[in-house]
Amino acid sequence: MDMPELRLKQDCVTRWNSTLYMLNRVLESKDAIISTLAFFNAHIDALYQGEWEALQETCTVLEPFEQVTVEISSERYS
């Protein structure tokens, strides 16, 4: 498929931003996920277009919180 080899990330309940990283990686790997499910004839339905869009919107909403978290976690705020 001529795509970079990426591993999916797992959500960690003690780190809220891991959810953002997980969703971003799923979106980055969307084509590979859909192709893999089709290739193996998995009994798991791929997400509908509206669900992919909801993931993207969720990431868009969470992005500013990630930026603020990184900013206030920097050394100058320690």
Protein backbone atom coordinates (compact mmCIF):
# COMPACT_ATOMS: atom_id res chain seq x y z
CA MET A 1 0.00 0.00 0.00
CA ASP A 2 3.09 2.22 0.11
CA MET A 3 2.24 3.58 3.56
CA PRO A 4 4.46 4.09 6.59
CA GLU A 5 4.38 1.22 9.05
CA LEU A 6 2.62 2.56 12.13
CA ARG A 7 1.48 0.81 15.26
CA LEU A 8 -1.83 1.69 16.80
CA LYS A 9 -1.60 3.42 20.15
CA GLN A 10 -3.48 2.31 23.22
CA ASP A 11 -5.54 4.52 25.50
CA CYS A 12 -4.24 4.90 29.06
CA VAL A 13 -6.85 5.84 31.65
CA THR A 14 -4.40 7.90 33.72
CA ARG A 15 -3.35 10.11 30.81
CA TRP A 16 -6.20 11.93 29.08
CA ASN A 17 -4.06 12.90 26.09
CA SER A 18 -3.42 9.23 25.27
CA THR A 19 -7.00 9.19 23.97
CA LEU A 20 -6.14 11.99 21.56
CA TYR A 21 -2.96 10.20 20.45
CA MET A 22 -4.88 6.95 19.98
CA LEU A 23 -7.61 8.62 17.89
CA ASN A 24 -5.06 10.50 15.79
CA ARG A 25 -3.21 7.26 15.03
CA VAL A 26 -6.46 5.50 14.08
CA LEU A 27 -7.22 8.36 11.69
CA GLU A 28 -3.69 8.22 10.25
CA SER A 29 -4.13 4.46 9.72
CA LYS A 30 -7.69 4.62 8.40
CA ASP A 31 -6.94 3.17 4.95
CA ALA A 32 -4.78 0.39 6.37
CA ILE A 33 -7.43 -0.53 8.94
CA ILE A 34 -10.20 -0.69 6.33
CA SER A 35 -8.01 -2.72 3.95
CA THR A 36 -6.94 -5.15 6.65
CA LEU A 37 -10.52 -5.77 7.75
CA ALA A 38 -11.54 -6.39 4.13
CA PHE A 39 -8.52 -8.60 3.38
CA PHE A 40 -9.08 -10.90 6.34
CA ASN A 41 -12.86 -10.82 5.84
CA ALA A 42 -13.12 -9.91 9.51
CA HIS A 43 -16.43 -10.18 11.27
CA ILE A 44 -15.92 -6.60 12.42
CA ASP A 45 -17.63 -3.86 10.47
CA ALA A 46 -15.50 -0.88 9.50
CA LEU A 47 -16.66 2.47 10.77
CA TYR A 48 -19.20 4.39 8.75
CA GLN A 49 -18.20 7.71 7.19
CA GLY A 50 -20.10 9.63 9.88
CA GLU A 51 -18.17 7.78 12.58
CA TRP A 52 -14.82 8.63 10.95
CA GLU A 53 -15.97 12.26 10.81
CA ALA A 54 -16.92 12.14 14.49
CA LEU A 55 -13.42 10.88 15.33
CA GLN A 56 -11.92 13.75 13.36
CA GLU A 57 -14.16 16.29 15.09
CA THR A 58 -13.25 14.84 18.49
CA CYS A 59 -9.56 15.28 17.70
CA THR A 60 -10.19 18.84 16.54
CA VAL A 61 -11.91 19.64 19.84
CA LEU A 62 -9.20 17.98 21.96
CA GLU A 63 -6.23 19.55 20.12
CA PRO A 64 -6.35 22.93 21.96
CA PHE A 65 -6.43 21.11 25.30
CA GLU A 66 -3.34 19.16 24.29
CA GLN A 67 -1.56 22.40 23.36
CA VAL A 68 -2.44 23.95 26.72
CA THR A 69 -1.37 20.81 28.57
CA VAL A 70 2.01 20.84 26.84
CA GLU A 71 2.41 24.55 27.51
CA ILE A 72 1.64 24.41 31.24
CA SER A 73 3.72 21.24 31.63
CA SER A 74 6.83 22.92 30.30
CA GLU A 75 9.76 23.70 32.58
CA ARG A 76 8.95 27.35 33.01
CA TYR A 77 5.70 26.46 34.80
CA SER A 78 7.30 23.88 37.09
